[in-house]
Amino acid sequence: MFANYLIGLREGLEASLIVCILVAYLVKTDRRDALKPVWLGIGVAVFLALAFGAGLEFGSQEMTFKAQEALGGSLSIVAVGLVTWMVFWMRRTARHLKTELQGKLDSALSMGTAALVVTAFLAVGREGLETSLFVWTAVHATSDGTTEPVVGALLGLATAVVLGWLFYRGALRINLAKFFTWTGGMLVVVAAGVLAYGVHDLQEADFIGGLNNLAFDISSTIAPDGWLGTLLKGVFNFQPDPTVLQVVVWCLYLIPTMAFFLGFTIRRSERAGAVEASSSR
């Protein structure tokens, strides 16, 4: 449940920040007349994201077991790729996101109502589709017949909306650099678990062999339905009997990605410190 809460919070807060920046800029520039088309574009983007998620959920239920596993595994890999790109992109551009969005909004204002709708739709729509895909794959990976994964994701999204509103009202100051660093690191761990589970789905769909070649089996020590197994599965997508390929893929993704992410973060911090030191002279 925690992993899905983190996904909902992280992804939802990015979308909330984008909405806050768009709305705040129009209000501060006394262009409240443009709020309606912006909200229209945001509404269409949210509807599309919900429809996309619903299509994945209900559409997959009509498939055979192997087709479901093939779809789930394939989309898990796509989702991991998207969320990895998003983690690094947001970490790199968070400081300039406001300026970038305001520049696009200025261009849209000069072009008319339709351009405003499209700008708001594109700004929020990408985040919405990424959120729907990654939440669906994460819920699919951690779901064991309960509603906890879905509840966790919804609670995360709700928290993100509240934080975004407080941020807009000036009642909350968020150190975005630290927030995206910590959540980005945790999300890389979650993504590694989703990737491993996606590989397992492809093995069950007979797309990849090695389903019976287990790396280890500690089910007798950590029961999958016990409190520890449930906790580890909910947070890290851990399973006590992974295949060799799952373990290999998990390591090949997590170790270099985390090392690159931490190295990238350290370099950014060093550059920021150097800039601050030079400006204080």
C-alpha atoms as a PDB file:
ATOM      1  CA  MET A   1       0.000   0.000   0.000  1.00  0.00           C
ATOM      2  CA  PHE A   2       2.860   2.388   0.830  1.00  0.00           C
ATOM      3  CA  ALA A   3       4.456   1.939  -2.589  1.00  0.00           C
ATOM      4  CA  ASN A   4       1.190   2.826  -4.321  1.00  0.00           C
ATOM      5  CA  TYR A   5       0.689   5.769  -1.953  1.00  0.00           C
ATOM      6  CA  LEU A   6       4.158   7.008  -2.893  1.00  0.00           C
ATOM      7  CA  ILE A   7       3.379   6.691  -6.596  1.00  0.00           C
ATOM      8  CA  GLY A   8       0.104   8.584  -6.216  1.00  0.00           C
ATOM      9  CA  LEU A   9       1.795  11.281  -4.115  1.00  0.00           C
ATOM     10  CA  ARG A  10       4.805  11.753  -6.330  1.00  0.00           C
ATOM     11  CA  GLU A  11       3.002  11.661  -9.666  1.00  0.00           C
ATOM     12  CA  GLY A  12       0.005  13.593  -8.370  1.00  0.00           C
ATOM     13  CA  LEU A  13       2.122  16.367  -6.887  1.00  0.00           C
ATOM     14  CA  GLU A  14       3.867  16.943 -10.202  1.00  0.00           C
ATOM     15  CA  ALA A  15       0.494  17.429 -11.897  1.00  0.00           C
ATOM     16  CA  SER A  16      -0.717  19.598  -8.996  1.00  0.00           C
ATOM     17  CA  LEU A  17       2.349  21.840  -9.266  1.00  0.00           C
ATOM     18  CA  ILE A  18       1.769  22.291 -12.983  1.00  0.00           C
ATOM     19  CA  VAL A  19      -1.861  23.285 -12.354  1.00  0.00           C
ATOM     20  CA  CYS A  20      -0.795  25.671  -9.565  1.00  0.00           C
ATOM     21  CA  ILE A  21       1.788  27.363 -11.779  1.00  0.00           C
ATOM     22  CA  LEU A  22      -0.665  27.816 -14.655  1.00  0.00           C
ATOM     23  CA  VAL A  23      -3.484  29.160 -12.482  1.00  0.00           C
ATOM     24  CA  ALA A  24      -1.255  31.362 -10.308  1.00  0.00           C
ATOM     25  CA  TYR A  25       0.368  32.953 -13.351  1.00  0.00           C
ATOM     26  CA  LEU A  26      -2.974  33.849 -14.911  1.00  0.00           C
ATOM     27  CA  VAL A  27      -4.253  35.291 -11.641  1.00  0.00           C
ATOM     28  CA  LYS A  28      -1.114  37.359 -11.013  1.00  0.00           C
ATOM     29  CA  THR A  29      -1.110  38.732 -14.575  1.00  0.00           C
ATOM     30  CA  ASP A  30      -4.800  39.650 -14.255  1.00  0.00           C
ATOM     31  CA  ARG A  31      -5.863  37.226 -16.979  1.00  0.00           C
ATOM     32  CA  ARG A  32      -8.653  35.518 -15.070  1.00  0.00           C
ATOM     33  CA  ASP A  33     -10.628  35.406 -18.309  1.00  0.00           C
ATOM     34  CA  ALA A  34      -8.230  32.697 -19.468  1.00  0.00           C
ATOM     35  CA  LEU A  35      -8.873  30.473 -16.458  1.00  0.00           C
ATOM     36  CA  LYS A  36     -11.933  28.806 -17.997  1.00  0.00           C
ATOM     37  CA  PRO A  37     -10.163  27.375 -21.080  1.00  0.00           C
ATOM     38  CA  VAL A  38      -7.204  26.344 -18.918  1.00  0.00           C
ATOM     39  CA  TRP A  39      -9.507  24.460 -16.535  1.00  0.00           C
ATOM     40  CA  LEU A  40     -11.228  22.933 -19.568  1.00  0.00           C
ATOM     41  CA  GLY A  41      -7.908  21.616 -20.857  1.00  0.00           C
ATOM     42  CA  ILE A  42      -7.033  20.276 -17.397  1.00  0.00           C
ATOM     43  CA  GLY A  43     -10.437  18.606 -17.105  1.00  0.00           C
ATOM     44  CA  VAL A  44     -10.068  16.901 -20.484  1.00  0.00           C
ATOM     45  CA  ALA A  45      -6.597  15.679 -19.495  1.00  0.00           C
ATOM     46  CA  VAL A  46      -7.879  14.225 -16.208  1.00  0.00           C
ATOM     47  CA  PHE A  47     -10.793  12.554 -17.986  1.00  0.00           C
ATOM     48  CA  LEU A  48      -8.447  11.040 -20.573  1.00  0.00           C
ATOM     49  CA  ALA A  49      -6.142   9.694 -17.837  1.00  0.00           C
ATOM     50  CA  LEU A  50      -9.091   8.124 -15.982  1.00  0.00           C
ATOM     51  CA  ALA A  51     -10.473   6.671 -19.204  1.00  0.00           C
ATOM     52  CA  PHE A  52      -7.051   5.259 -20.064  1.00  0.00           C
ATOM     53  CA  GLY A  53      -6.769   3.613 -16.635  1.00  0.00           C
ATOM     54  CA  ALA A  54     -10.308   2.251 -16.843  1.00  0.00           C
ATOM     55  CA  GLY A  55      -9.634   0.914 -20.329  1.00  0.00           C
ATOM     56  CA  LEU A  56      -6.559  -0.924 -19.074  1.00  0.00           C
ATOM     57  CA  GLU A  57      -8.412  -2.416 -16.118  1.00  0.00           C
ATOM     58  CA  PHE A  58     -11.668  -3.468 -17.749  1.00  0.00           C
ATOM     59  CA  GLY A  59     -10.152  -4.281 -21.123  1.00  0.00           C
ATOM     60  CA  SER A  60      -7.652  -6.679 -19.580  1.00  0.00           C
ATOM     61  CA  GLN A  61     -10.433  -8.557 -17.782  1.00  0.00           C
ATOM     62  CA  GLU A  62     -11.817  -9.708 -21.141  1.00  0.00           C
ATOM     63  CA  MET A  63      -8.537 -11.361 -22.109  1.00  0.00           C
ATOM     64  CA  THR A  64      -7.291 -14.865 -21.516  1.00  0.00           C
ATOM     65  CA  PHE A  65      -4.893 -15.442 -18.627  1.00  0.00           C
ATOM     66  CA  LYS A  66      -1.809 -15.516 -20.835  1.00  0.00           C
ATOM     67  CA  ALA A  67      -2.931 -12.419 -22.723  1.00  0.00           C
ATOM     68  CA  GLN A  68      -3.457 -10.605 -19.413  1.00  0.00           C
ATOM     69  CA  GLU A  69       0.017 -11.578 -18.259  1.00  0.00           C
ATOM     70  CA  ALA A  70       1.555 -10.520 -21.570  1.00  0.00           C
ATOM     71  CA  LEU A  71      -0.211  -7.150 -21.426  1.00  0.00           C
ATOM     72  CA  GLY A  72       0.664  -6.589 -17.782  1.00  0.00           C
ATOM     73  CA  GLY A  73       4.297  -7.531 -18.285  1.00  0.00           C
ATOM     74  CA  SER A  74       4.711  -5.397 -21.398  1.00  0.00           C
ATOM     75  CA  LEU A  75       3.074  -2.345 -19.837  1.00  0.00           C
ATOM     76  CA  SER A  76       5.140  -2.810 -16.676  1.00  0.00           C
ATOM     77  CA  ILE A  77       8.310  -2.479 -18.706  1.00  0.00           C
ATOM     78  CA  VAL A  78       6.951   0.577 -20.535  1.00  0.00           C
ATOM     79  CA  ALA A  79       5.852   2.130 -17.230  1.00  0.00           C
ATOM     80  CA  VAL A  80       9.270   1.585 -15.653  1.00  0.00           C
ATOM     81  CA  GLY A  81      10.904   3.269 -18.632  1.00  0.00           C
ATOM     82  CA  LEU A  82       8.558   6.245 -18.413  1.00  0.00           C
ATOM     83  CA  VAL A  83       8.858   6.677 -14.656  1.00  0.00           C
ATOM     84  CA  THR A  84      12.661   6.427 -14.826  1.00  0.00           C
ATOM     85  CA  TRP A  85      12.760   9.150 -17.454  1.00  0.00           C
ATOM     86  CA  MET A  86      10.298  11.225 -15.386  1.00  0.00           C
ATOM     87  CA  VAL A  87      12.385  10.902 -12.205  1.00  0.00           C
ATOM     88  CA  PHE A  88      15.511  12.238 -13.897  1.00  0.00           C
ATOM     89  CA  TRP A  89      13.637  14.833 -15.951  1.00  0.00           C
ATOM     90  CA  MET A  90      11.889  16.321 -12.929  1.00  0.00           C
ATOM     91  CA  ARG A  91      15.067  16.257 -10.866  1.00  0.00           C
ATOM     92  CA  ARG A  92      16.844  18.174 -13.610  1.00  0.00           C
ATOM     93  CA  THR A  93      14.130  20.665 -14.607  1.00  0.00           C
ATOM     94  CA  ALA A  94      12.219  21.278 -11.358  1.00  0.00           C
ATOM     95  CA  ARG A  95      13.929  24.646 -10.851  1.00  0.00           C
ATOM     96  CA  HIS A  96      13.055  25.817 -14.356  1.00  0.00           C
ATOM     97  CA  LEU A  97       9.575  24.268 -14.611  1.00  0.00           C
ATOM     98  CA  LYS A  98       7.831  27.501 -13.651  1.00  0.00           C
ATOM     99  CA  THR A  99       9.648  29.582 -16.280  1.00  0.00           C
ATOM    100  CA  GLU A 100       9.092  26.959 -18.971  1.00  0.00           C
ATOM    101  CA  LEU A 101       5.344  26.698 -18.325  1.00  0.00           C
ATOM    102  CA  GLN A 102       4.905  30.467 -18.143  1.00  0.00           C
ATOM    103  CA  GLY A 103       6.646  30.849 -21.492  1.00  0.00           C
ATOM    104  CA  LYS A 104       4.309  28.321 -23.102  1.00  0.00           C
ATOM    105  CA  LEU A 105       1.312  30.025 -21.503  1.00  0.00           C
ATOM    106  CA  ASP A 106       2.363  33.416 -22.858  1.00  0.00           C
ATOM    107  CA  SER A 107       2.482  31.961 -26.361  1.00  0.00           C
ATOM    108  CA  ALA A 108      -0.933  30.342 -25.896  1.00  0.00           C
ATOM    109  CA  LEU A 109      -2.457  33.589 -24.621  1.00  0.00           C
ATOM    110  CA  SER A 110      -1.379  35.357 -27.790  1.00  0.00           C
ATOM    111  CA  MET A 111      -2.891  32.624 -29.972  1.00  0.00           C
ATOM    112  CA  GLY A 112      -6.346  32.420 -28.394  1.00  0.00           C
ATOM    113  CA  THR A 113      -8.690  30.156 -26.441  1.00  0.00           C
ATOM    114  CA  ALA A 114      -8.021  26.935 -28.341  1.00  0.00           C
ATOM    115  CA  ALA A 115      -4.278  27.257 -27.753  1.00  0.00           C
ATOM    116  CA  LEU A 116      -4.903  27.701 -24.022  1.00  0.00           C
ATOM    117  CA  VAL A 117      -6.967  24.524 -23.890  1.00  0.00           C
ATOM    118  CA  VAL A 118      -4.294  22.583 -25.789  1.00  0.00           C
ATOM    119  CA  THR A 119      -1.459  23.965 -23.629  1.00  0.00           C
ATOM    120  CA  ALA A 120      -3.188  23.025 -20.368  1.00  0.00           C
ATOM    121  CA  PHE A 121      -4.178  19.640 -21.777  1.00  0.00           C
ATOM    122  CA  LEU A 122      -0.643  18.786 -22.888  1.00  0.00           C
ATOM    123  CA  ALA A 123       0.942  20.054 -19.664  1.00  0.00           C
ATOM    124  CA  VAL A 124      -1.293  17.937 -17.440  1.00  0.00           C
ATOM    125  CA  GLY A 125      -2.175  15.127 -19.857  1.00  0.00           C
ATOM    126  CA  ARG A 126       1.322  13.678 -20.024  1.00  0.00           C
ATOM    127  CA  GLU A 127       1.502  13.508 -16.237  1.00  0.00           C
ATOM    128  CA  GLY A 128      -1.982  11.989 -16.085  1.00  0.00           C
ATOM    129  CA  LEU A 129      -1.257   9.231 -18.598  1.00  0.00           C
ATOM    130  CA  GLU A 130       2.044   8.385 -16.918  1.00  0.00           C
ATOM    131  CA  THR A 131       0.301   8.264 -13.548  1.00  0.00           C
ATOM    132  CA  SER A 132      -2.498   6.009 -14.821  1.00  0.00           C
ATOM    133  CA  LEU A 133      -0.059   3.606 -16.472  1.00  0.00           C
ATOM    134  CA  PHE A 134       2.367   3.351 -13.566  1.00  0.00           C
ATOM    135  CA  VAL A 135      -0.358   3.131 -10.912  1.00  0.00           C
ATOM    136  CA  TRP A 136      -2.133   0.415 -12.918  1.00  0.00           C
ATOM    137  CA  THR A 137       1.038  -1.624 -13.357  1.00  0.00           C
ATOM    138  CA  ALA A 138       2.053  -1.157  -9.712  1.00  0.00           C
ATOM    139  CA  VAL A 139      -1.419  -2.112  -8.478  1.00  0.00           C
ATOM    140  CA  HIS A 140      -1.373  -5.100 -10.842  1.00  0.00           C
ATOM    141  CA  ALA A 141       2.008  -6.133  -9.447  1.00  0.00           C
ATOM    142  CA  THR A 142       1.068  -5.807  -5.768  1.00  0.00           C
ATOM    143  CA  SER A 143      -2.600  -6.688  -5.874  1.00  0.00           C
ATOM    144  CA  ASP A 144      -3.602  -9.928  -4.181  1.00  0.00           C
ATOM    145  CA  GLY A 145      -7.339  -9.564  -4.426  1.00  0.00           C
ATOM    146  CA  THR A 146      -7.580  -6.710  -1.923  1.00  0.00           C
ATOM    147  CA  THR A 147      -8.363  -3.059  -2.546  1.00  0.00           C
ATOM    148  CA  GLU A 148      -5.400  -1.790  -0.517  1.00  0.00           C
ATOM    149  CA  PRO A 149      -3.187  -0.954  -3.535  1.00  0.00           C
ATOM    150  CA  VAL A 150      -5.966   1.102  -5.128  1.00  0.00           C
ATOM    151  CA  VAL A 151      -6.762   2.827  -1.828  1.00  0.00           C
ATOM    152  CA  GLY A 152      -3.068   3.631  -1.367  1.00  0.00           C
ATOM    153  CA  ALA A 153      -2.798   5.205  -4.815  1.00  0.00           C
ATOM    154  CA  LEU A 154      -5.988   7.236  -4.313  1.00  0.00           C
ATOM    155  CA  LEU A 155      -4.809   8.455  -0.906  1.00  0.00           C
ATOM    156  CA  GLY A 156      -1.525   9.516  -2.473  1.00  0.00           C
ATOM    157  CA  LEU A 157      -3.327  11.443  -5.210  1.00  0.00           C
ATOM    158  CA  ALA A 158      -5.638  13.061  -2.652  1.00  0.00           C
ATOM    159  CA  THR A 159      -2.652  14.107  -0.538  1.00  0.00           C
ATOM    160  CA  ALA A 160      -0.994  15.568  -3.636  1.00  0.00           C
ATOM    161  CA  VAL A 161      -4.098  17.632  -4.444  1.00  0.00           C
ATOM    162  CA  VAL A 162      -4.239  18.999  -0.880  1.00  0.00           C
ATOM    163  CA  LEU A 163      -0.513  19.811  -0.900  1.00  0.00           C
ATOM    164  CA  GLY A 164      -0.876  21.503  -4.276  1.00  0.00           C
ATOM    165  CA  TRP A 165      -3.744  23.654  -2.998  1.00  0.00           C
ATOM    166  CA  LEU A 166      -1.808  24.612   0.132  1.00  0.00           C
ATOM    167  CA  PHE A 167       1.208  25.408  -2.022  1.00  0.00           C
ATOM    168  CA  TYR A 168      -0.940  27.641  -4.236  1.00  0.00           C
ATOM    169  CA  ARG A 169      -2.438  29.433  -1.241  1.00  0.00           C
ATOM    170  CA  GLY A 170       1.011  30.119   0.143  1.00  0.00           C
ATOM    171  CA  ALA A 171       0.278  28.115   3.283  1.00  0.00           C
ATOM    172  CA  LEU A 172       2.979  25.566   2.527  1.00  0.00           C
ATOM    173  CA  ARG A 173       6.591  25.841   1.446  1.00  0.00           C
ATOM    174  CA  ILE A 174       8.037  22.740  -0.166  1.00  0.00           C
ATOM    175  CA  ASN A 175      11.719  22.205  -0.800  1.00  0.00           C
ATOM    176  CA  LEU A 176      11.098  20.678  -4.209  1.00  0.00           C
ATOM    177  CA  ALA A 177      14.725  19.689  -4.740  1.00  0.00           C
ATOM    178  CA  LYS A 178      14.791  17.564  -1.577  1.00  0.00           C
ATOM    179  CA  PHE A 179      11.279  16.228  -2.157  1.00  0.00           C
ATOM    180  CA  PHE A 180      12.032  15.009  -5.669  1.00  0.00           C
ATOM    181  CA  THR A 181      15.396  13.626  -4.546  1.00  0.00           C
ATOM    182  CA  TRP A 182      13.974  11.477  -1.751  1.00  0.00           C
ATOM    183  CA  THR A 183      10.844  10.372  -3.576  1.00  0.00           C
ATOM    184  CA  GLY A 184      12.824   9.827  -6.759  1.00  0.00           C
ATOM    185  CA  GLY A 185      15.179   7.454  -4.984  1.00  0.00           C
ATOM    186  CA  MET A 186      12.298   5.546  -3.396  1.00  0.00           C
ATOM    187  CA  LEU A 187      10.474   5.411  -6.718  1.00  0.00           C
ATOM    188  CA  VAL A 188      13.512   3.845  -8.392  1.00  0.00           C
ATOM    189  CA  VAL A 189      13.284   1.023  -5.823  1.00  0.00           C
ATOM    190  CA  VAL A 190       9.555   0.625  -6.496  1.00  0.00           C
ATOM    191  CA  ALA A 191      10.181   0.640 -10.260  1.00  0.00           C
ATOM    192  CA  ALA A 192      12.750  -2.140  -9.872  1.00  0.00           C
ATOM    193  CA  GLY A 193      10.101  -4.293  -8.205  1.00  0.00           C
ATOM    194  CA  VAL A 194       7.541  -3.485 -10.902  1.00  0.00           C
ATOM    195  CA  LEU A 195      10.084  -4.388 -13.584  1.00  0.00           C
ATOM    196  CA  ALA A 196      10.859  -7.722 -11.921  1.00  0.00           C
ATOM    197  CA  TYR A 197       7.161  -8.485 -11.609  1.00  0.00           C
ATOM    198  CA  GLY A 198       6.654  -7.516 -15.250  1.00  0.00           C
ATOM    199  CA  VAL A 199       9.307 -10.046 -16.241  1.00  0.00           C
ATOM    200  CA  HIS A 200       7.469 -12.641 -14.138  1.00  0.00           C
ATOM    201  CA  ASP A 201       4.251 -11.839 -16.027  1.00  0.00           C
ATOM    202  CA  LEU A 202       6.014 -12.355 -19.349  1.00  0.00           C
ATOM    203  CA  GLN A 203       7.356 -15.658 -18.080  1.00  0.00           C
ATOM    204  CA  GLU A 204       3.854 -16.761 -17.130  1.00  0.00           C
ATOM    205  CA  ALA A 205       2.670 -15.731 -20.600  1.00  0.00           C
ATOM    206  CA  ASP A 206       5.386 -17.987 -22.100  1.00  0.00           C
ATOM    207  CA  PHE A 207       7.034 -14.981 -23.767  1.00  0.00           C
ATOM    208  CA  ILE A 208      10.177 -15.638 -21.734  1.00  0.00           C
ATOM    209  CA  GLY A 209      11.406 -18.952 -20.375  1.00  0.00           C
ATOM    210  CA  GLY A 210      12.773 -19.822 -16.957  1.00  0.00           C
ATOM    211  CA  LEU A 211       9.541 -19.681 -14.960  1.00  0.00           C
ATOM    212  CA  ASN A 212      10.464 -22.777 -12.966  1.00  0.00           C
ATOM    213  CA  ASN A 213      14.102 -21.770 -12.504  1.00  0.00           C
ATOM    214  CA  LEU A 214      13.891 -20.189  -9.046  1.00  0.00           C
ATOM    215  CA  ALA A 215      16.736 -18.111  -7.651  1.00  0.00           C
ATOM    216  CA  PHE A 216      15.655 -19.010  -4.102  1.00  0.00           C
ATOM    217  CA  ASP A 217      12.530 -19.893  -2.182  1.00  0.00           C
ATOM    218  CA  ILE A 218      12.124 -18.577   1.376  1.00  0.00           C
ATOM    219  CA  SER A 219       8.341 -18.948   1.479  1.00  0.00           C
ATOM    220  CA  SER A 220       8.646 -21.083   4.591  1.00  0.00           C
ATOM    221  CA  THR A 221      10.508 -18.244   6.353  1.00  0.00           C
ATOM    222  CA  ILE A 222       8.609 -15.269   4.926  1.00  0.00           C
ATOM    223  CA  ALA A 223       5.073 -16.356   4.127  1.00  0.00           C
ATOM    224  CA  PRO A 224       3.624 -14.373   1.171  1.00  0.00           C
ATOM    225  CA  ASP A 225       0.343 -13.848   3.066  1.00  0.00           C
ATOM    226  CA  GLY A 226       2.031 -13.085   6.414  1.00  0.00           C
ATOM    227  CA  TRP A 227       2.504  -9.587   7.796  1.00  0.00           C
ATOM    228  CA  LEU A 228       6.185  -9.387   6.810  1.00  0.00           C
ATOM    229  CA  GLY A 229       5.604 -10.808   3.337  1.00  0.00           C
ATOM    230  CA  THR A 230       2.681  -8.429   2.810  1.00  0.00           C
ATOM    231  CA  LEU A 231       4.747  -5.469   4.015  1.00  0.00           C
ATOM    232  CA  LEU A 232       7.723  -6.288   1.793  1.00  0.00           C
ATOM    233  CA  LYS A 233       5.478  -6.923  -1.185  1.00  0.00           C
ATOM    234  CA  GLY A 234       3.569  -3.676  -0.668  1.00  0.00           C
ATOM    235  CA  VAL A 235       6.707  -1.547  -0.304  1.00  0.00           C
ATOM    236  CA  PHE A 236       9.280  -3.276  -2.533  1.00  0.00           C
ATOM    237  CA  ASN A 237       7.186  -5.699  -4.658  1.00  0.00           C
ATOM    238  CA  PHE A 238       9.219  -8.421  -2.969  1.00  0.00           C
ATOM    239  CA  GLN A 239       8.297 -12.045  -3.488  1.00  0.00           C
ATOM    240  CA  PRO A 240       9.894 -14.921  -1.540  1.00  0.00           C
ATOM    241  CA  ASP A 241      10.294 -17.181  -4.583  1.00  0.00           C
ATOM    242  CA  PRO A 242      11.578 -15.117  -7.537  1.00  0.00           C
ATOM    243  CA  THR A 243      13.009 -16.625 -10.671  1.00  0.00           C
ATOM    244  CA  VAL A 244      16.664 -16.217 -11.563  1.00  0.00           C
ATOM    245  CA  LEU A 245      15.759 -13.841 -14.387  1.00  0.00           C
ATOM    246  CA  GLN A 246      13.715 -11.655 -12.042  1.00  0.00           C
ATOM    247  CA  VAL A 247      16.637 -11.273  -9.655  1.00  0.00           C
ATOM    248  CA  VAL A 248      19.054 -10.537 -12.505  1.00  0.00           C
ATOM    249  CA  VAL A 249      16.752  -7.918 -14.051  1.00  0.00           C
ATOM    250  CA  TRP A 250      16.094  -6.340 -10.636  1.00  0.00           C
ATOM    251  CA  CYS A 251      19.823  -5.972  -9.959  1.00  0.00           C
ATOM    252  CA  LEU A 252      20.680  -4.791 -13.479  1.00  0.00           C
ATOM    253  CA  TYR A 253      18.073  -2.044 -13.216  1.00  0.00           C
ATOM    254  CA  LEU A 254      18.350  -0.964  -9.582  1.00  0.00           C
ATOM    255  CA  ILE A 255      22.118  -0.827  -9.062  1.00  0.00           C
ATOM    256  CA  PRO A 256      23.174   1.311 -12.078  1.00  0.00           C
ATOM    257  CA  THR A 257      20.015   3.449 -12.031  1.00  0.00           C
ATOM    258  CA  MET A 258      20.347   4.253  -8.335  1.00  0.00           C
ATOM    259  CA  ALA A 259      24.075   4.897  -8.689  1.00  0.00           C
ATOM    260  CA  PHE A 260      23.455   7.256 -11.619  1.00  0.00           C
ATOM    261  CA  PHE A 261      20.614   8.985  -9.780  1.00  0.00           C
ATOM    262  CA  LEU A 262      22.690   9.531  -6.630  1.00  0.00           C
ATOM    263  CA  GLY A 263      25.681  10.670  -8.673  1.00  0.00           C
ATOM    264  CA  PHE A 264      23.487  13.057 -10.636  1.00  0.00           C
ATOM    265  CA  THR A 265      22.043  14.435  -7.384  1.00  0.00           C
ATOM    266  CA  ILE A 266      25.492  14.932  -5.835  1.00  0.00           C
ATOM    267  CA  ARG A 267      26.768  16.741  -8.928  1.00  0.00           C
ATOM    268  CA  ARG A 268      23.723  19.008  -8.950  1.00  0.00           C
ATOM    269  CA  SER A 269      24.227  19.813  -5.268  1.00  0.00           C
ATOM    270  CA  GLU A 270      27.923  20.557  -5.798  1.00  0.00           C
ATOM    271  CA  ARG A 271      27.171  22.875  -8.710  1.00  0.00           C
ATOM    272  CA  ALA A 272      24.459  24.651  -6.710  1.00  0.00           C
ATOM    273  CA  GLY A 273      26.877  25.080  -3.797  1.00  0.00           C
ATOM    274  CA  ALA A 274      29.552  26.464  -6.105  1.00  0.00           C
ATOM    275  CA  VAL A 275      27.095  28.979  -7.582  1.00  0.00           C
ATOM    276  CA  GLU A 276      25.976  30.114  -4.131  1.00  0.00           C
ATOM    277  CA  ALA A 277      29.588  30.455  -2.972  1.00  0.00           C
ATOM    278  CA  SER A 278      30.573  32.532  -5.999  1.00  0.00           C
ATOM    279  CA  SER A 279      27.527  34.800  -5.698  1.00  0.00           C
ATOM    280  CA  SER A 280      28.227  35.507  -2.018  1.00  0.00           C
ATOM    281  CA  ARG A 281      31.721  36.797  -2.755  1.00  0.00           C
END
